[in-house]
Structure formats: C-alpha cells, structure tokens
Protein backbone atom coordinates (compact mmCIF):
# COMPACT_ATOMS: atom_id res chain seq x y z
CA MET A 1 31.37 12.41 -12.90
CA LYS A 2 33.47 13.76 -15.97
CA ARG A 3 35.84 16.74 -16.47
CA ALA A 4 33.98 20.16 -16.60
CA SER A 5 34.33 22.19 -19.90
CA LEU A 6 35.62 25.57 -20.27
CA TRP A 7 33.54 27.87 -22.47
CA PRO A 8 36.15 30.30 -24.80
CA ASP A 9 37.08 33.69 -22.43
CA GLU A 10 36.45 35.74 -25.81
CA HIS A 11 32.95 34.96 -25.05
CA LEU A 12 32.65 36.78 -21.55
CA PRO A 13 32.42 40.71 -21.49
CA ALA A 14 35.65 42.69 -21.02
CA HIS A 15 37.17 43.09 -17.49
CA HIS A 16 35.71 45.42 -14.82
CA VAL A 17 34.90 45.23 -11.61
CA PRO A 18 31.19 46.35 -10.99
CA PRO A 19 29.58 47.61 -7.95
CA PRO A 20 27.27 45.78 -6.04
CA TRP A 21 24.12 45.10 -7.86
CA PRO A 22 20.94 46.99 -6.52
CA GLY A 23 18.91 45.24 -3.91
CA ARG A 24 15.47 45.31 -2.04
CA GLY A 25 13.71 43.87 1.01
CA VAL A 26 10.78 41.80 -0.03
CA ARG A 27 8.70 40.60 3.11
CA LEU A 28 7.90 36.86 2.50
CA ASP A 29 6.13 34.84 5.20
CA GLY A 30 6.17 37.98 7.76
CA ALA A 31 10.10 38.28 7.51
CA VAL A 32 12.37 40.32 5.00
CA THR A 33 14.27 38.82 2.41
CA TYR A 34 17.42 41.02 0.75
CA VAL A 35 17.78 40.34 -2.76
CA ARG A 36 19.91 41.62 -5.52
CA ASP A 37 18.66 41.59 -8.83
CA THR A 38 21.33 41.28 -11.86
CA PRO A 39 19.36 42.18 -14.97
CA ALA A 40 19.97 40.35 -18.10
CA THR A 41 21.82 41.86 -21.22
CA GLY A 42 20.98 39.18 -23.58
CA PRO A 43 17.87 38.09 -25.20
CA ASP A 44 16.23 35.06 -24.13
CA ALA A 45 18.13 35.09 -20.49
CA GLU A 46 17.19 32.20 -18.06
CA PRO A 47 16.26 32.86 -14.47
CA ALA A 48 19.75 32.09 -11.94
CA LEU A 49 19.37 32.27 -8.35
CA TYR A 50 22.49 32.51 -6.31
CA VAL A 51 23.15 31.06 -2.68
CA HIS A 52 25.50 32.05 -0.28
CA GLY A 53 27.97 30.94 2.28
CA LEU A 54 28.06 30.79 6.23
CA GLY A 55 28.46 34.41 7.25
CA GLY A 56 28.56 35.65 3.32
CA SER A 57 25.96 37.43 1.47
CA SER A 58 24.42 38.04 -1.89
CA GLN A 59 27.47 40.58 -2.56
CA ASN A 60 29.58 37.11 -2.90
CA TRP A 61 28.23 36.82 -6.43
CA THR A 62 28.82 40.34 -7.73
CA ASP A 63 31.28 39.40 -10.43
CA LEU A 64 30.17 35.90 -11.67
CA ALA A 65 26.45 37.42 -11.73
CA GLY A 66 27.57 40.04 -14.02
CA LEU A 67 30.16 38.02 -16.48
CA LEU A 68 26.63 35.56 -16.82
CA ALA A 69 24.12 38.25 -17.39
CA GLY A 70 24.30 38.04 -21.16
CA ARG A 71 23.08 34.04 -20.58
CA LEU A 72 21.45 34.55 -17.17
CA ASP A 73 18.87 36.70 -15.19
CA GLY A 74 20.25 36.65 -11.85
CA GLN A 75 18.70 37.23 -8.43
CA ALA A 76 20.78 36.52 -5.22
CA ILE A 77 19.45 36.29 -1.95
CA ASP A 78 20.33 36.90 1.65
CA LEU A 79 19.69 33.82 3.96
CA PRO A 80 17.71 34.78 7.14
CA GLY A 81 20.01 36.45 9.46
CA PHE A 82 22.45 37.31 6.96
CA GLY A 83 23.36 40.40 4.61
CA ARG A 84 20.33 42.35 4.90
CA SER A 85 17.57 39.66 5.30
CA GLU A 86 16.27 40.00 8.99
CA PRO A 87 16.75 37.24 11.11
CA GLY A 88 15.12 33.23 10.97
CA ARG A 89 13.27 31.37 13.79
CA ARG A 90 15.61 28.44 12.83
CA TYR A 91 18.89 28.02 11.44
CA THR A 92 19.08 24.72 9.79
CA ILE A 93 19.55 23.01 6.30
CA PRO A 94 16.14 22.17 6.05
CA ALA A 95 15.14 26.01 7.33
CA PHE A 96 17.33 27.49 4.84
CA ALA A 97 16.19 25.06 1.52
CA ASP A 98 12.55 26.09 2.34
CA ARG A 99 13.47 29.84 2.47
CA VAL A 100 15.19 29.34 -0.90
CA VAL A 101 11.97 27.09 -2.28
CA ARG A 102 9.79 29.73 -0.88
CA TRP A 103 11.72 32.42 -2.49
CA ILE A 104 11.74 30.69 -6.33
CA GLU A 105 7.96 29.89 -5.71
CA HIS A 106 7.13 33.68 -4.33
CA SER A 107 9.32 35.29 -7.28
CA ASP A 108 7.52 32.83 -9.90
CA ARG A 109 10.55 32.62 -12.03
CA GLY A 110 11.39 28.45 -11.60
CA PRO A 111 12.51 26.43 -13.01
CA VAL A 112 15.89 28.40 -12.09
CA HIS A 113 19.82 27.82 -12.60
CA LEU A 114 20.76 27.42 -8.92
CA PHE A 115 24.20 28.14 -7.55
CA GLY A 116 25.54 27.70 -3.83
CA ASN A 117 28.92 28.41 -2.43
CA SER A 118 29.30 26.46 1.07
CA LEU A 119 26.65 26.24 3.05
CA GLY A 120 24.81 27.64 0.00
CA GLY A 121 25.77 24.41 -1.75
CA ALA A 122 24.49 22.23 0.90
CA VAL A 123 21.08 24.07 1.14
CA SER A 124 20.84 24.18 -2.83
CA VAL A 125 21.69 20.25 -3.05
CA ARG A 126 18.57 19.58 -0.42
CA VAL A 127 16.54 22.55 -3.18
CA ALA A 128 17.61 20.39 -6.43
CA ALA A 129 16.84 17.10 -4.56
CA LEU A 130 13.46 17.52 -2.95
CA ARG A 131 12.33 20.32 -5.32
CA PRO A 132 13.70 18.99 -9.05
CA ASP A 133 11.00 21.24 -10.51
CA LEU A 134 12.24 24.25 -9.57
CA VAL A 135 15.70 23.42 -10.69
CA ARG A 136 17.13 23.68 -14.12
CA THR A 137 20.87 23.00 -13.60
CA LEU A 138 22.98 23.00 -10.11
CA THR A 139 26.39 24.86 -9.71
CA LEU A 140 28.19 24.13 -6.56
CA ILE A 141 31.30 26.45 -5.35
CA SER A 142 32.95 24.48 -2.46
CA PRO A 143 29.66 22.81 -1.06
CA ALA A 144 29.83 22.00 2.50
CA LEU A 145 28.78 18.67 2.45
CA PRO A 146 29.59 16.52 5.17
CA PHE A 147 32.91 15.63 6.56
CA LEU A 148 33.67 14.53 9.50
CA ASP A 149 37.74 15.24 10.20
CA PHE A 150 37.31 18.93 11.22
CA ARG A 151 40.89 19.76 11.74
CA ARG A 152 40.68 20.33 7.73
CA SER A 153 38.65 23.39 8.25
CA LEU A 154 39.45 26.64 10.04
CA GLN A 155 36.31 26.63 11.62
CA GLY A 156 37.08 23.56 13.45
CA ARG A 157 38.28 25.48 15.81
CA MET A 158 34.47 27.08 16.79
CA LEU A 159 33.35 23.56 17.83
CA PRO A 160 34.22 24.10 21.28
CA LEU A 161 31.59 27.15 21.35
CA LEU A 162 28.58 24.77 20.30
CA ALA A 163 28.89 23.43 23.85
CA LEU A 164 29.13 26.44 26.05
CA PRO A 165 25.59 28.25 27.25
CA LEU A 166 27.18 31.69 26.57
CA GLY A 167 28.93 30.51 23.28
CA GLU A 168 26.84 33.22 20.95
CA ARG A 169 27.88 35.97 23.64
CA LEU A 170 31.24 35.00 23.10
CA VAL A 171 31.15 35.47 19.55
CA ALA A 172 29.18 38.80 20.10
CA TRP A 173 31.98 40.11 22.69
CA HIS A 174 34.39 38.79 19.72
CA LEU A 175 33.54 41.06 17.30
CA THR A 176 33.13 43.99 19.12
CA GLN A 177 37.10 43.55 19.77
CA LEU A 178 38.27 43.79 16.01
CA ALA A 179 38.09 46.74 13.59
CA PRO A 180 35.72 46.08 10.27
CA GLU A 181 39.22 46.23 8.87
CA LEU A 182 41.06 43.85 10.29
CA MET A 183 38.32 41.60 10.53
CA ALA A 184 37.51 41.73 6.74
CA GLN A 185 41.10 40.92 6.14
CA GLN A 186 40.90 38.22 8.47
CA VAL A 187 37.66 36.77 6.42
CA LEU A 188 39.42 37.13 2.97
CA GLU A 189 42.79 35.83 4.10
CA ALA A 190 40.67 32.67 5.42
CA CYS A 191 38.44 32.63 1.96
CA ILE A 192 40.99 33.72 -0.94
CA ALA A 193 44.31 31.74 -1.35
CA ASP A 194 46.02 34.77 -3.42
CA LEU A 195 45.16 38.08 -2.19
CA THR A 196 46.12 39.93 -5.15
CA ARG A 197 43.02 38.58 -6.98
CA VAL A 198 41.12 40.97 -5.23
CA SER A 199 40.60 44.78 -5.97
CA GLU A 200 40.89 47.51 -3.83
CA GLN A 201 37.02 48.32 -4.45
CA ARG A 202 36.14 44.59 -3.20
CA ARG A 203 38.62 44.77 -0.35
CA GLN A 204 36.40 48.00 0.56
CA GLU A 205 33.06 46.79 0.15
CA ALA A 206 34.07 43.66 2.48
CA VAL A 207 34.80 46.19 5.14
CA GLU A 208 31.46 47.88 4.59
CA GLU A 209 29.83 44.57 5.11
CA ILE A 210 31.61 43.47 8.40
CA ARG A 211 30.22 46.84 9.50
CA ILE A 212 26.67 46.03 8.66
CA ARG A 213 27.18 42.87 10.70
CA TYR A 214 28.34 44.81 13.75
CA GLN A 215 25.33 46.89 13.28
CA ALA A 216 22.89 43.92 13.57
CA ALA A 217 22.30 42.34 17.10
CA HIS A 218 21.18 39.22 15.46
CA TYR A 219 24.31 38.31 13.74
CA ALA A 220 26.21 36.61 16.29
CA ALA A 221 23.38 34.51 16.84
CA ALA A 222 22.61 33.67 13.31
CA TYR A 223 26.00 32.68 12.87
CA LEU A 224 26.80 30.23 15.85
CA ARG A 225 23.44 28.56 15.37
CA THR A 226 24.06 28.26 11.46
CA PHE A 227 27.33 26.36 12.57
CA ARG A 228 25.57 24.19 14.91
CA GLY A 229 22.81 23.28 12.59
CA LEU A 230 25.38 22.35 9.50
CA VAL A 231 27.80 20.29 11.99
CA ALA A 232 24.17 18.48 12.72
CA SER A 233 23.90 17.77 9.30
CA PHE A 234 27.29 16.37 9.19
CA LEU A 235 26.77 14.14 11.76
CA ARG A 236 23.01 13.12 10.62
CA SER A 237 24.61 12.59 6.64
CA TYR A 238 26.59 9.21 8.62
CA LEU A 239 23.57 8.12 10.11
CA PRO A 240 20.16 5.99 8.84
CA GLY A 241 17.00 8.20 7.69
CA PRO A 242 16.57 10.53 4.94
CA ASN A 243 17.88 13.79 5.49
CA SER A 244 21.55 12.46 5.01
CA LEU A 245 23.15 15.44 2.38
CA TRP A 246 25.19 12.51 0.82
CA ARG A 247 21.92 10.54 0.15
CA LEU A 248 20.20 13.57 -1.19
CA ALA A 249 23.13 14.45 -3.40
CA ALA A 250 23.25 10.75 -4.94
CA GLY A 251 19.47 11.26 -6.01
CA LEU A 252 20.04 14.52 -7.97
CA ARG A 253 18.94 14.10 -11.42
CA VAL A 254 19.73 17.80 -13.08
CA PRO A 255 22.97 18.52 -14.82
CA THR A 256 25.57 19.74 -12.02
CA LEU A 257 28.90 21.71 -12.50
CA VAL A 258 31.07 20.68 -8.96
CA VAL A 259 33.94 23.29 -8.37
CA GLY A 260 36.52 23.14 -5.50
CA GLY A 261 39.89 25.25 -5.04
CA ARG A 262 42.80 23.24 -4.09
CA ARG A 263 43.47 26.05 -1.34
CA ASP A 264 40.24 25.82 0.48
CA ARG A 265 40.66 26.30 3.84
CA LEU A 266 37.37 26.07 5.20
CA VAL A 267 35.83 23.00 3.48
CA ASP A 268 37.78 19.81 3.41
CA VAL A 269 39.39 19.62 0.12
CA ARG A 270 38.34 16.03 -0.71
CA VAL A 271 34.68 17.03 -0.39
CA ALA A 272 34.36 18.74 -4.16
CA PRO A 273 35.73 15.43 -5.57
CA GLN A 274 33.23 13.14 -3.50
CA ALA A 275 30.24 15.51 -4.43
CA ALA A 276 31.48 15.09 -8.28
CA ARG A 277 31.62 11.34 -7.81
CA VAL A 278 28.37 10.82 -5.94
CA ILE A 279 25.98 13.14 -8.13
CA PRO A 280 25.30 11.29 -11.29
CA ASP A 281 25.05 13.85 -14.13
CA SER A 282 28.30 15.63 -12.65
CA ARG A 283 30.97 17.75 -13.78
CA LEU A 284 34.11 18.66 -11.90
CA LEU A 285 36.36 21.57 -12.02
CA MET A 286 39.07 21.50 -9.56
CA LEU A 287 41.03 24.82 -9.41
CA ASP A 288 45.05 25.02 -8.53
CA GLY A 289 45.90 28.20 -6.50
CA VAL A 290 42.08 28.97 -5.58
CA GLY A 291 40.39 28.90 -2.09
CA HIS A 292 37.18 28.40 -0.54
CA VAL A 293 35.28 31.57 -2.98
CA ALA A 294 36.01 30.77 -6.67
CA GLN A 295 33.53 32.99 -7.66
CA VAL A 296 35.06 35.76 -5.88
CA GLU A 297 38.68 34.63 -6.85
CA VAL A 298 38.59 33.81 -10.02
CA PRO A 299 35.25 34.49 -11.55
CA ARG A 300 35.73 34.44 -15.04
CA THR A 301 37.08 30.81 -14.87
CA VAL A 302 33.72 30.15 -13.23
CA ALA A 303 31.98 31.48 -15.47
CA ARG A 304 33.45 29.61 -18.26
CA ALA A 305 32.54 26.10 -16.63
CA VAL A 306 29.25 27.22 -16.10
CA LEU A 307 28.43 28.64 -19.88
CA ALA A 308 29.93 25.25 -21.18
CA LEU A 309 27.42 23.59 -18.58
CA LEU A 310 24.59 25.78 -19.82
CA ALA A 311 25.34 24.89 -23.66
CA GLU A 312 25.72 21.00 -22.48
CA ALA A 313 22.18 21.15 -20.76
CA GLY A 314 20.80 22.81 -23.54
CA ASP A 315 20.76 21.95 -27.10
CA GLY A 316 24.91 21.56 -27.46
CA ALA A 317 24.51 22.83 -30.50
CA ALA A 318 27.26 25.52 -30.16
CA SER A 319 30.69 24.91 -30.60
CA ALA A 320 32.24 22.88 -28.36
CA PRO A 321 34.37 24.07 -25.21
CA ALA A 322 37.64 22.78 -24.09
CA LEU A 323 37.67 20.41 -21.84
CA ALA A 324 39.65 21.65 -18.95
CA GLY A 325 41.75 18.78 -19.37
CA ASP A 326 42.86 19.18 -22.98
CA LEU A 327 43.85 22.93 -22.39
CA PRO A 328 47.77 23.08 -22.53
CA GLY A 329 49.71 23.10 -19.82
CA GLY A 330 47.77 20.92 -17.63
CA ASP A 331 44.29 20.10 -15.58
CA LEU A 332 42.47 23.83 -15.73
CA LEU A 333 43.12 27.44 -17.26
CA THR A 334 42.42 29.76 -14.59
CA GLY A 335 42.00 33.53 -14.55
CA THR A 336 43.00 35.97 -11.74
CA GLY A 337 39.75 37.33 -11.34
CA ASP A 338 41.25 40.99 -11.66
CA GLY A 339 41.70 41.74 -15.49
CA GLY A 340 44.47 39.45 -16.47
CA ARG A 341 44.94 36.01 -17.08
CA ARG A 342 47.37 33.13 -16.30
CA ARG A 343 47.99 29.70 -17.10
CA GLU A 344 48.57 27.59 -14.08
CA VAL A 345 49.39 23.75 -14.06
CA ALA A 346 47.57 21.47 -11.33
CA GLY A 347 49.41 19.36 -9.02
C-alpha cells in the first residue's frame, strides 16, 4: 500500500454541472440492463465501466465520468433491480458480478478501467479477482467489504427486517409513507457529509430518481434481498472457503485505488484502509470531511486521484503528480465538488 497521488487540478475540465448522461436499455440474457454512456472527449481514450452502490444507480457517476471523459470512454450500468434495469432472479454479490462480466463481454470493450462504489466496490473486487483479463485498473470508493460491527453503519438498523417473513412488505409500505422530496433528503444526508457540496440540480435529480423507484413494484424486494445478500457475503468472508471477499481482495493483481471518506456513515471507516493494506498493488486516499459517495461529493478530487493512477499504470512518463501527503497543510487536498475548492487538513 502507498499513498495516492493527485493529478494537477488545472488538467481537469472547468467546473460545470452536466445533466445525467444519456442512457439506453439493452436486453441481455433475457432482461434489460440500463446503461449510460459518457462519450470520450479526448483521443485514444480507454474504456471504463462504473458500478453503483446499494440503492444507487448509474446517475451516481455523472460528474466523475464527465471529468474523466478526456481520458476514459465511460459506461455506467444499473445493476438488476436498480435504476432503470429490470429485476434479476438473484440479488447476491456473485450474481451482480456475473452481470458485470456479461456486460463487459457483451459490449466487447474489455479490459476496462473498473470503478465501484459501496456494493459496487464489493462486486468489482469479485470481478477483478476472478476475471483479471477484463480489468485494466480498479478504483474502489467506500467499498462495502466485510465488517462485523454493524453499529458503525446506519443500515445496521435494517438487520431485524432480514429475519421477518414480511420484511419486504414493510419496506414497501415505508416507501409509500414518505414524499419523494423527504426520502431524497434522507438519502443525501446518509451518503454525503457536507450537503453544501450538492447543487440544486443534483438534488432535483435525486428526487426524480426516488419517484422512479416508487413506480417500480420490484424495488423494495430488490433492495432488501440485496442487503440480505451483502450481509451473507460479510459472514462468509470470515469462514473457510473460496468466496471470502477479503481473500479475493488479497489475490488482486491489478493496479488499484482505494478512496474512503472519514465521515462515511454507511461503511465502517476502517474498511478502506484495510482494503488498501490487503490489496497488493494499492494506493489509498482518505478524505477528511467526506461521506460515503466521494465521487458525488468531491468528484474533482477523486478524478485527480484516478488520473494519477492511470498515469502510473500506463507509461508513467508524464510529469509526476503530487503525493497527497506532500501537499501543503496535511494529508489531502479536497474539492468542494460544486465549483469552488478548499484545502482541508486531515485529522
């Protein structure tokens, strides 16, 4: 493990807030997978694939994919049962990883630079470990790798629902009791440490995403079954056998960037550093004052770390980026993600 580097900010596009990238439904193995395309703006761009977290969608990558479009030709998928994708038959880490592998094979774009946030991070670890031929580099943002102290996650209070026969109906009922605006606010508060970094446009898009979820009869079941599958994968990771996510992470052989927020309320903040220690060729960036979705909250900072990873994994001949720890004032340099920038000293 080593400290992540940050590419110079002036090499990124000027700040703006793009709308969600255009998407399309693709029938794959009998079900529709929804995909958003962020076309490359630079020559010789390499393919990238973005995988969202539990309860998220491909829209979670709008800003980061746009910032990286000069270097990466991006696609972001909605996992089965989420966003605009049709429901799946199983909601487990292996099932989601199989869908990601099938999409890379179907699109014939591999190997890709693979990105995963939260649940998508766990899925991406499995893909990169079992199919390294499909992955060039790996970027994990608050990856939902196993931890057992669920008091360190707001989602820990959902655990009792997993044991109830009517758990899915209770979740569905709860969803109907909250206005989309209130639900969107609760989601943002859970995922983002500093809500001043979220533009009004992104807030309105979050409300629209909630409305789409409410219209999907399968959403409550998909959410709860995925949460159940994630918890089961956590427990299996501490038992003997080949399906431990930590054992898979230890076997990764692709250059990897791990990003964590020190104010993450959904994944134990100790997971990102542990992941970076376990993964052989890893770089760690811990962000002060940042929550669970750094690619949404501080996309410029994440983009700078990704560009440094790509330069290092490529020819490495370009001018050297600054090490995060070498920047004046502390561990890191974070951007507000809404056009302004500020320095923050890491604790």
